[in-house]
Amino acid sequence: MLNILVPVSDRSDDEQNGRVRVAIEIATALTARLTVIVEGQFALAGGDWSGPPPCATPQQEAFSPVPEQLADLLDRSAIRWGWIERPGGWREVSQQVGTGWLVAAPPTDTADGIGGAVDIEEALIQHRLAMVTVPPNLRSFEARGHALVLWDGSREAGHALAAAVPLLRVASRVTLLEIDDGSLATLGCQALDLLAARGVAATLSYVKAGGRSAARIALDEIAARGPDYAVMGAFDRPSWMQRLSGKVTDELIRHSPVPLFLKH
């Protein structure tokens, strides 16, 4: 079963509540499990570091560090959910939950690594997680809306496309935007065939890079097309998307008005 991960802190605020609602809506649309990652003061009884994420048992529920408001929100949903502690770093979390989709906030200058703000590159590359970044003002996620796939023909774009298939299957409309800087290894029409073989119908659109930066292209196209979310690969090597590292990645994630589904 697909595992949706959402980190939270012990504070309750609108942004965190909105991020949890996004995680619930994704889990509901995909019939997935949701795991809340919290900082706790005690070890999980009988925790298995190598196994799947545990559910809170009735004995643990009384001591659950999940904020009460969020626990009530989760209990009112129809999803299966549980929680784990973040015992140290994200490496320990990955040992407990394995792979999954991490719903997280964009980085901020005061990010402390919990409460939703995570190291994007660490989560994507070291722990092989897919990530959904949630803009600060977003309070919902339209899984069945319009999905925009930013396609540069790279291996990483292919990984992102494959990982996002469960989400794309429930989208009402999928647009695959072929961004051509002269180095496309896999054409957009080939990507359409891959999607069709997995039960996803998509339309193909095209834009010439024309010397514009990767972040500028992505932000301009998102603004012009108004999708509910965008899908893209990250941190590749051979083409324009390699510039989605460092400052350009930071710019795109910070300023995208819609959620981004990222996969390395």
C-alpha atoms as a PDB file:
ATOM      1  CA  MET A   1       0.000   0.000   0.000  1.00  0.00           C
ATOM      2  CA  LEU A   2       1.218   3.475  -0.860  1.00  0.00           C
ATOM      3  CA  ASN A   3       2.382   5.380   2.213  1.00  0.00           C
ATOM      4  CA  ILE A   4       1.799   9.143   2.487  1.00  0.00           C
ATOM      5  CA  LEU A   5       4.120  10.756   5.046  1.00  0.00           C
ATOM      6  CA  VAL A   6       3.511  14.111   6.718  1.00  0.00           C
ATOM      7  CA  PRO A   7       5.834  15.629   9.348  1.00  0.00           C
ATOM      8  CA  VAL A   8       4.300  17.724  12.124  1.00  0.00           C
ATOM      9  CA  SER A   9       5.412  19.589  15.220  1.00  0.00           C
ATOM     10  CA  ASP A  10       3.615  19.961  18.548  1.00  0.00           C
ATOM     11  CA  ARG A  11       2.451  23.435  17.592  1.00  0.00           C
ATOM     12  CA  SER A  12      -0.839  23.957  15.805  1.00  0.00           C
ATOM     13  CA  ASP A  13      -1.108  26.544  13.052  1.00  0.00           C
ATOM     14  CA  ASP A  14      -3.028  27.056   9.830  1.00  0.00           C
ATOM     15  CA  GLU A  15      -0.126  26.047   7.572  1.00  0.00           C
ATOM     16  CA  GLN A  16       0.453  22.766   9.370  1.00  0.00           C
ATOM     17  CA  ASN A  17      -3.279  22.012   9.483  1.00  0.00           C
ATOM     18  CA  GLY A  18      -3.501  22.767   5.760  1.00  0.00           C
ATOM     19  CA  ARG A  19      -0.563  20.483   5.000  1.00  0.00           C
ATOM     20  CA  VAL A  20      -2.183  17.627   6.930  1.00  0.00           C
ATOM     21  CA  ARG A  21      -5.440  18.193   5.021  1.00  0.00           C
ATOM     22  CA  VAL A  22      -3.466  17.936   1.775  1.00  0.00           C
ATOM     23  CA  ALA A  23      -1.959  14.637   2.954  1.00  0.00           C
ATOM     24  CA  ILE A  24      -5.433  13.353   3.905  1.00  0.00           C
ATOM     25  CA  GLU A  25      -6.871  14.330   0.521  1.00  0.00           C
ATOM     26  CA  ILE A  26      -4.037  12.573  -1.342  1.00  0.00           C
ATOM     27  CA  ALA A  27      -4.373   9.460   0.823  1.00  0.00           C
ATOM     28  CA  THR A  28      -8.155   9.453   0.346  1.00  0.00           C
ATOM     29  CA  ALA A  29      -7.970   9.835  -3.443  1.00  0.00           C
ATOM     30  CA  LEU A  30      -5.409   7.022  -3.734  1.00  0.00           C
ATOM     31  CA  THR A  31      -6.756   4.744  -0.969  1.00  0.00           C
ATOM     32  CA  ALA A  32      -3.342   5.080   0.648  1.00  0.00           C
ATOM     33  CA  ARG A  33      -2.071   4.884   4.208  1.00  0.00           C
ATOM     34  CA  LEU A  34      -1.016   8.066   6.019  1.00  0.00           C
ATOM     35  CA  THR A  35       1.849   8.177   8.514  1.00  0.00           C
ATOM     36  CA  VAL A  36       2.322  11.230  10.739  1.00  0.00           C
ATOM     37  CA  ILE A  37       5.968  11.858  11.652  1.00  0.00           C
ATOM     38  CA  VAL A  38       6.318  13.555  15.043  1.00  0.00           C
ATOM     39  CA  GLU A  39       9.030  14.316  17.530  1.00  0.00           C
ATOM     40  CA  GLY A  40       8.344  12.230  20.625  1.00  0.00           C
ATOM     41  CA  GLN A  41       9.899  11.858  24.050  1.00  0.00           C
ATOM     42  CA  PHE A  42       9.800   8.098  24.238  1.00  0.00           C
ATOM     43  CA  ALA A  43      10.523   5.105  22.036  1.00  0.00           C
ATOM     44  CA  LEU A  44       7.727   3.204  20.373  1.00  0.00           C
ATOM     45  CA  ALA A  45       7.011  -0.002  22.245  1.00  0.00           C
ATOM     46  CA  GLY A  46       8.155  -2.941  20.166  1.00  0.00           C
ATOM     47  CA  GLY A  47       9.195  -0.687  17.285  1.00  0.00           C
ATOM     48  CA  ASP A  48      10.752  -2.550  14.367  1.00  0.00           C
ATOM     49  CA  TRP A  49      13.321  -0.334  12.648  1.00  0.00           C
ATOM     50  CA  SER A  50      13.379  -2.450   9.521  1.00  0.00           C
ATOM     51  CA  GLY A  51       9.658  -3.127   9.147  1.00  0.00           C
ATOM     52  CA  PRO A  52       6.697  -1.100   7.929  1.00  0.00           C
ATOM     53  CA  PRO A  53       5.488   1.940   9.871  1.00  0.00           C
ATOM     54  CA  PRO A  54       3.553   0.876  12.961  1.00  0.00           C
ATOM     55  CA  CYS A  55       0.045   2.034  13.808  1.00  0.00           C
ATOM     56  CA  ALA A  56      -0.518   3.531  17.213  1.00  0.00           C
ATOM     57  CA  THR A  57      -1.906   0.808  19.438  1.00  0.00           C
ATOM     58  CA  PRO A  58      -4.669   1.562  21.978  1.00  0.00           C
ATOM     59  CA  GLN A  59      -1.964   1.674  24.686  1.00  0.00           C
ATOM     60  CA  GLN A  60       0.058   4.157  22.662  1.00  0.00           C
ATOM     61  CA  GLU A  61      -2.893   6.351  21.711  1.00  0.00           C
ATOM     62  CA  ALA A  62      -3.143   7.741  25.233  1.00  0.00           C
ATOM     63  CA  PHE A  63       0.428   8.981  24.900  1.00  0.00           C
ATOM     64  CA  SER A  64       0.272  10.003  21.251  1.00  0.00           C
ATOM     65  CA  PRO A  65       2.328  13.134  20.578  1.00  0.00           C
ATOM     66  CA  VAL A  66       0.109  13.976  17.593  1.00  0.00           C
ATOM     67  CA  PRO A  67      -1.567  17.329  18.410  1.00  0.00           C
ATOM     68  CA  GLU A  68      -5.174  16.735  19.468  1.00  0.00           C
ATOM     69  CA  GLN A  69      -6.617  18.964  16.762  1.00  0.00           C
ATOM     70  CA  LEU A  70      -4.773  17.025  14.059  1.00  0.00           C
ATOM     71  CA  ALA A  71      -5.658  13.660  15.595  1.00  0.00           C
ATOM     72  CA  ASP A  72      -9.342  14.659  15.530  1.00  0.00           C
ATOM     73  CA  LEU A  73      -9.008  15.722  11.894  1.00  0.00           C
ATOM     74  CA  LEU A  74      -7.405  12.394  10.988  1.00  0.00           C
ATOM     75  CA  ASP A  75      -9.944  10.374  12.963  1.00  0.00           C
ATOM     76  CA  ARG A  76     -12.804  12.064  11.100  1.00  0.00           C
ATOM     77  CA  SER A  77     -11.305  11.046   7.752  1.00  0.00           C
ATOM     78  CA  ALA A  78     -11.895   7.650   6.174  1.00  0.00           C
ATOM     79  CA  ILE A  79      -8.214   6.835   5.813  1.00  0.00           C
ATOM     80  CA  ARG A  80      -6.000   4.419   7.672  1.00  0.00           C
ATOM     81  CA  TRP A  81      -3.396   6.369   9.618  1.00  0.00           C
ATOM     82  CA  GLY A  82      -0.720   5.941  12.242  1.00  0.00           C
ATOM     83  CA  TRP A  83       2.248   7.815  13.641  1.00  0.00           C
ATOM     84  CA  ILE A  84       5.926   7.340  14.306  1.00  0.00           C
ATOM     85  CA  GLU A  85       8.524   9.346  16.165  1.00  0.00           C
ATOM     86  CA  ARG A  86      11.377  11.054  14.457  1.00  0.00           C
ATOM     87  CA  PRO A  87      14.052   9.664  16.811  1.00  0.00           C
ATOM     88  CA  GLY A  88      16.973  11.554  15.330  1.00  0.00           C
ATOM     89  CA  GLY A  89      17.411  12.427  11.690  1.00  0.00           C
ATOM     90  CA  TRP A  90      15.492  11.597   8.547  1.00  0.00           C
ATOM     91  CA  ARG A  91      17.698   8.537   8.042  1.00  0.00           C
ATOM     92  CA  GLU A  92      16.017   6.894  11.035  1.00  0.00           C
ATOM     93  CA  VAL A  93      12.606   7.804   9.674  1.00  0.00           C
ATOM     94  CA  SER A  94      13.402   6.193   6.329  1.00  0.00           C
ATOM     95  CA  GLN A  95      14.529   3.049   8.135  1.00  0.00           C
ATOM     96  CA  GLN A  96      11.102   2.812   9.749  1.00  0.00           C
ATOM     97  CA  VAL A  97       8.801   3.753   6.894  1.00  0.00           C
ATOM     98  CA  GLY A  98      10.810   2.751   3.833  1.00  0.00           C
ATOM     99  CA  THR A  99       9.836   4.632   0.693  1.00  0.00           C
ATOM    100  CA  GLY A 100       6.764   6.769   0.266  1.00  0.00           C
ATOM    101  CA  TRP A 101       5.442  10.178  -0.684  1.00  0.00           C
ATOM    102  CA  LEU A 102       6.474  12.950   1.669  1.00  0.00           C
ATOM    103  CA  VAL A 103       4.090  15.911   1.969  1.00  0.00           C
ATOM    104  CA  ALA A 104       6.245  18.823   3.080  1.00  0.00           C
ATOM    105  CA  ALA A 105       6.444  22.592   3.288  1.00  0.00           C
ATOM    106  CA  PRO A 106       8.849  24.599   1.129  1.00  0.00           C
ATOM    107  CA  PRO A 107      12.087  25.510   2.926  1.00  0.00           C
ATOM    108  CA  THR A 108      12.258  28.713   4.925  1.00  0.00           C
ATOM    109  CA  ASP A 109      15.141  30.679   6.357  1.00  0.00           C
ATOM    110  CA  THR A 110      14.224  29.418   9.840  1.00  0.00           C
ATOM    111  CA  ALA A 111      13.460  25.801   8.892  1.00  0.00           C
ATOM    112  CA  ASP A 112      14.395  23.404  11.669  1.00  0.00           C
ATOM    113  CA  GLY A 113      13.791  20.165   9.792  1.00  0.00           C
ATOM    114  CA  ILE A 114      10.503  19.331  11.474  1.00  0.00           C
ATOM    115  CA  GLY A 115       6.962  20.617  11.232  1.00  0.00           C
ATOM    116  CA  GLY A 116       7.002  20.071   7.501  1.00  0.00           C
ATOM    117  CA  ALA A 117      10.229  21.814   6.477  1.00  0.00           C
ATOM    118  CA  VAL A 118      12.710  19.191   5.312  1.00  0.00           C
ATOM    119  CA  ASP A 119      15.933  18.966   3.343  1.00  0.00           C
ATOM    120  CA  ILE A 120      14.587  18.558  -0.187  1.00  0.00           C
ATOM    121  CA  GLU A 121      17.727  17.038  -1.707  1.00  0.00           C
ATOM    122  CA  GLU A 122      18.195  14.649   1.228  1.00  0.00           C
ATOM    123  CA  ALA A 123      14.624  13.361   0.989  1.00  0.00           C
ATOM    124  CA  LEU A 124      14.713  12.992  -2.787  1.00  0.00           C
ATOM    125  CA  ILE A 125      18.198  11.570  -3.320  1.00  0.00           C
ATOM    126  CA  GLN A 126      19.370   9.912  -0.112  1.00  0.00           C
ATOM    127  CA  HIS A 127      16.043   8.433   0.960  1.00  0.00           C
ATOM    128  CA  ARG A 128      14.486   7.995  -2.510  1.00  0.00           C
ATOM    129  CA  LEU A 129      11.191   9.533  -1.467  1.00  0.00           C
ATOM    130  CA  ALA A 130       8.783  11.200  -3.817  1.00  0.00           C
ATOM    131  CA  MET A 131       7.797  14.593  -2.458  1.00  0.00           C
ATOM    132  CA  VAL A 132       4.754  16.826  -2.685  1.00  0.00           C
ATOM    133  CA  THR A 133       5.667  20.388  -1.709  1.00  0.00           C
ATOM    134  CA  VAL A 134       2.763  22.425  -0.337  1.00  0.00           C
ATOM    135  CA  PRO A 135       2.734  26.232  -0.762  1.00  0.00           C
ATOM    136  CA  PRO A 136       2.197  28.026   2.582  1.00  0.00           C
ATOM    137  CA  ASN A 137      -1.244  29.399   1.642  1.00  0.00           C
ATOM    138  CA  LEU A 138      -2.594  26.099   0.304  1.00  0.00           C
ATOM    139  CA  ARG A 139      -5.337  24.445   2.346  1.00  0.00           C
ATOM    140  CA  SER A 140      -6.460  21.691  -0.033  1.00  0.00           C
ATOM    141  CA  PHE A 141      -5.230  19.461  -2.858  1.00  0.00           C
ATOM    142  CA  GLU A 142      -7.342  18.722  -5.915  1.00  0.00           C
ATOM    143  CA  ALA A 143      -6.116  15.219  -6.762  1.00  0.00           C
ATOM    144  CA  ARG A 144      -8.822  14.881  -9.405  1.00  0.00           C
ATOM    145  CA  GLY A 145      -7.965  18.178 -11.070  1.00  0.00           C
ATOM    146  CA  HIS A 146      -5.544  19.217 -13.825  1.00  0.00           C
ATOM    147  CA  ALA A 147      -2.031  17.762 -13.654  1.00  0.00           C
ATOM    148  CA  LEU A 148       0.823  19.423 -15.569  1.00  0.00           C
ATOM    149  CA  VAL A 149       3.829  17.166 -16.253  1.00  0.00           C
ATOM    150  CA  LEU A 150       7.018  19.139 -16.953  1.00  0.00           C
ATOM    151  CA  TRP A 151       8.899  16.884 -19.378  1.00  0.00           C
ATOM    152  CA  ASP A 152      12.559  17.348 -20.341  1.00  0.00           C
ATOM    153  CA  GLY A 153      13.211  13.804 -21.571  1.00  0.00           C
ATOM    154  CA  SER A 154      15.628  12.952 -18.760  1.00  0.00           C
ATOM    155  CA  ARG A 155      15.855   9.750 -16.727  1.00  0.00           C
ATOM    156  CA  GLU A 156      14.719  11.642 -13.628  1.00  0.00           C
ATOM    157  CA  ALA A 157      11.677  12.991 -15.458  1.00  0.00           C
ATOM    158  CA  GLY A 158      10.850   9.390 -16.344  1.00  0.00           C
ATOM    159  CA  HIS A 159      11.161   8.340 -12.698  1.00  0.00           C
ATOM    160  CA  ALA A 160       8.874  11.198 -11.630  1.00  0.00           C
ATOM    161  CA  LEU A 161       6.338  10.289 -14.309  1.00  0.00           C
ATOM    162  CA  ALA A 162       6.305   6.619 -13.241  1.00  0.00           C
ATOM    163  CA  ALA A 163       6.061   7.473  -9.539  1.00  0.00           C
ATOM    164  CA  ALA A 164       3.164   9.884 -10.149  1.00  0.00           C
ATOM    165  CA  VAL A 165       1.058   7.369 -12.122  1.00  0.00           C
ATOM    166  CA  PRO A 166      -1.297   6.583  -9.179  1.00  0.00           C
ATOM    167  CA  LEU A 167      -2.043  10.297  -8.880  1.00  0.00           C
ATOM    168  CA  LEU A 168      -2.293  10.879 -12.641  1.00  0.00           C
ATOM    169  CA  ARG A 169      -4.818   8.042 -12.959  1.00  0.00           C
ATOM    170  CA  VAL A 170      -7.334   9.954 -10.858  1.00  0.00           C
ATOM    171  CA  ALA A 171      -6.675  13.356 -12.489  1.00  0.00           C
ATOM    172  CA  SER A 172      -9.463  14.723 -14.668  1.00  0.00           C
ATOM    173  CA  ARG A 173      -6.906  16.136 -17.124  1.00  0.00           C
ATOM    174  CA  VAL A 174      -3.196  15.480 -17.698  1.00  0.00           C
ATOM    175  CA  THR A 175      -1.046  17.752 -19.850  1.00  0.00           C
ATOM    176  CA  LEU A 176       2.474  16.618 -20.692  1.00  0.00           C
ATOM    177  CA  LEU A 177       4.504  19.732 -21.480  1.00  0.00           C
ATOM    178  CA  GLU A 178       7.585  18.929 -23.562  1.00  0.00           C
ATOM    179  CA  ILE A 179      10.286  21.506 -22.773  1.00  0.00           C
ATOM    180  CA  ASP A 180      12.868  21.450 -25.549  1.00  0.00           C
ATOM    181  CA  ASP A 181      16.349  22.836 -25.071  1.00  0.00           C
ATOM    182  CA  GLY A 182      17.811  20.711 -27.857  1.00  0.00           C
ATOM    183  CA  SER A 183      18.874  17.793 -25.657  1.00  0.00           C
ATOM    184  CA  LEU A 184      15.724  15.675 -25.329  1.00  0.00           C
ATOM    185  CA  ALA A 185      16.724  12.045 -24.776  1.00  0.00           C
ATOM    186  CA  THR A 186      13.127  10.785 -24.722  1.00  0.00           C
ATOM    187  CA  LEU A 187      10.458  12.601 -26.702  1.00  0.00           C
ATOM    188  CA  GLY A 188       7.147  13.645 -25.231  1.00  0.00           C
ATOM    189  CA  CYS A 189       5.228  11.356 -27.596  1.00  0.00           C
ATOM    190  CA  GLN A 190       7.137   8.393 -26.146  1.00  0.00           C
ATOM    191  CA  ALA A 191       6.203   9.508 -22.640  1.00  0.00           C
ATOM    192  CA  LEU A 192       2.556   9.671 -23.754  1.00  0.00           C
ATOM    193  CA  ASP A 193       2.798   6.036 -24.853  1.00  0.00           C
ATOM    194  CA  LEU A 194       4.239   5.073 -21.464  1.00  0.00           C
ATOM    195  CA  LEU A 195       1.340   6.801 -19.718  1.00  0.00           C
ATOM    196  CA  ALA A 196      -1.247   5.228 -22.013  1.00  0.00           C
ATOM    197  CA  ALA A 197       0.170   1.768 -21.234  1.00  0.00           C
ATOM    198  CA  ARG A 198      -0.480   2.526 -17.544  1.00  0.00           C
ATOM    199  CA  GLY A 199      -4.024   3.708 -18.055  1.00  0.00           C
ATOM    200  CA  VAL A 200      -3.368   7.453 -18.115  1.00  0.00           C
ATOM    201  CA  ALA A 201      -4.711   9.542 -21.003  1.00  0.00           C
ATOM    202  CA  ALA A 202      -2.732  12.746 -21.551  1.00  0.00           C
ATOM    203  CA  THR A 203      -2.396  15.497 -24.129  1.00  0.00           C
ATOM    204  CA  LEU A 204       0.954  16.715 -25.417  1.00  0.00           C
ATOM    205  CA  SER A 205       2.009  20.353 -25.491  1.00  0.00           C
ATOM    206  CA  TYR A 206       5.352  21.893 -26.456  1.00  0.00           C
ATOM    207  CA  VAL A 207       7.506  24.855 -25.488  1.00  0.00           C
ATOM    208  CA  LYS A 208      10.955  25.916 -26.659  1.00  0.00           C
ATOM    209  CA  ALA A 209      13.379  26.765 -23.879  1.00  0.00           C
ATOM    210  CA  GLY A 210      14.864  29.650 -25.841  1.00  0.00           C
ATOM    211  CA  GLY A 211      17.608  30.333 -23.298  1.00  0.00           C
ATOM    212  CA  ARG A 212      15.229  30.894 -20.399  1.00  0.00           C
ATOM    213  CA  SER A 213      16.122  29.450 -17.003  1.00  0.00           C
ATOM    214  CA  ALA A 214      14.483  26.203 -15.907  1.00  0.00           C
ATOM    215  CA  ALA A 215      12.686  27.880 -13.014  1.00  0.00           C
ATOM    216  CA  ARG A 216      11.395  30.713 -15.215  1.00  0.00           C
ATOM    217  CA  ILE A 217       9.979  28.279 -17.787  1.00  0.00           C
ATOM    218  CA  ALA A 218       8.260  26.209 -15.126  1.00  0.00           C
ATOM    219  CA  LEU A 219       6.804  29.186 -13.259  1.00  0.00           C
ATOM    220  CA  ASP A 220       5.626  30.884 -16.472  1.00  0.00           C
ATOM    221  CA  GLU A 221       3.903  27.739 -17.718  1.00  0.00           C
ATOM    222  CA  ILE A 222       2.278  27.031 -14.360  1.00  0.00           C
ATOM    223  CA  ALA A 223       0.956  30.599 -14.239  1.00  0.00           C
ATOM    224  CA  ALA A 224      -0.334  30.436 -17.820  1.00  0.00           C
ATOM    225  CA  ARG A 225      -1.959  27.001 -17.632  1.00  0.00           C
ATOM    226  CA  GLY A 226      -3.303  27.083 -14.065  1.00  0.00           C
ATOM    227  CA  PRO A 227      -2.876  23.397 -13.152  1.00  0.00           C
ATOM    228  CA  ASP A 228      -3.844  22.039  -9.757  1.00  0.00           C
ATOM    229  CA  TYR A 229      -0.353  20.559  -9.383  1.00  0.00           C
ATOM    230  CA  ALA A 230       2.786  19.910 -11.430  1.00  0.00           C
ATOM    231  CA  VAL A 231       4.960  16.799 -11.785  1.00  0.00           C
ATOM    232  CA  MET A 232       8.683  16.901 -12.542  1.00  0.00           C
ATOM    233  CA  GLY A 233      11.981  15.116 -12.088  1.00  0.00           C
ATOM    234  CA  ALA A 234      14.733  16.767 -10.066  1.00  0.00           C
ATOM    235  CA  PHE A 235      18.520  16.796  -9.837  1.00  0.00           C
ATOM    236  CA  ASP A 236      19.290  15.179 -13.171  1.00  0.00           C
ATOM    237  CA  ARG A 237      22.474  15.672 -15.156  1.00  0.00           C
ATOM    238  CA  PRO A 238      22.240  15.915 -18.951  1.00  0.00           C
ATOM    239  CA  SER A 239      19.680  18.619 -19.693  1.00  0.00           C
ATOM    240  CA  TRP A 240      17.993  21.820 -18.547  1.00  0.00           C
ATOM    241  CA  MET A 241      16.547  20.175 -15.446  1.00  0.00           C
ATOM    242  CA  GLN A 242      20.067  19.825 -14.004  1.00  0.00           C
ATOM    243  CA  ARG A 243      19.694  23.485 -13.110  1.00  0.00           C
ATOM    244  CA  LEU A 244      16.936  22.482 -10.694  1.00  0.00           C
ATOM    245  CA  SER A 245      19.622  22.224  -8.027  1.00  0.00           C
ATOM    246  CA  GLY A 246      20.840  24.819  -5.584  1.00  0.00           C
ATOM    247  CA  LYS A 247      19.352  28.267  -6.024  1.00  0.00           C
ATOM    248  CA  VAL A 248      17.069  27.387  -8.946  1.00  0.00           C
ATOM    249  CA  THR A 249      15.421  24.480  -7.114  1.00  0.00           C
ATOM    250  CA  ASP A 250      14.986  26.720  -4.119  1.00  0.00           C
ATOM    251  CA  GLU A 251      13.424  29.456  -6.276  1.00  0.00           C
ATOM    252  CA  LEU A 252      10.980  27.125  -7.983  1.00  0.00           C
ATOM    253  CA  ILE A 253       9.809  25.364  -4.828  1.00  0.00           C
ATOM    254  CA  ARG A 254       9.526  28.611  -2.872  1.00  0.00           C
ATOM    255  CA  HIS A 255       7.548  30.448  -5.545  1.00  0.00           C
ATOM    256  CA  SER A 256       5.353  27.808  -7.193  1.00  0.00           C
ATOM    257  CA  PRO A 257       1.705  28.721  -6.532  1.00  0.00           C
ATOM    258  CA  VAL A 258       0.690  25.047  -6.854  1.00  0.00           C
ATOM    259  CA  PRO A 259       1.977  21.838  -5.251  1.00  0.00           C
ATOM    260  CA  LEU A 260       4.948  20.177  -6.952  1.00  0.00           C
ATOM    261  CA  PHE A 261       5.327  16.398  -7.187  1.00  0.00           C
ATOM    262  CA  LEU A 262       9.094  15.772  -7.249  1.00  0.00           C
ATOM    263  CA  LYS A 263      11.088  12.577  -7.784  1.00  0.00           C
ATOM    264  CA  HIS A 264      14.764  11.939  -8.396  1.00  0.00           C
END
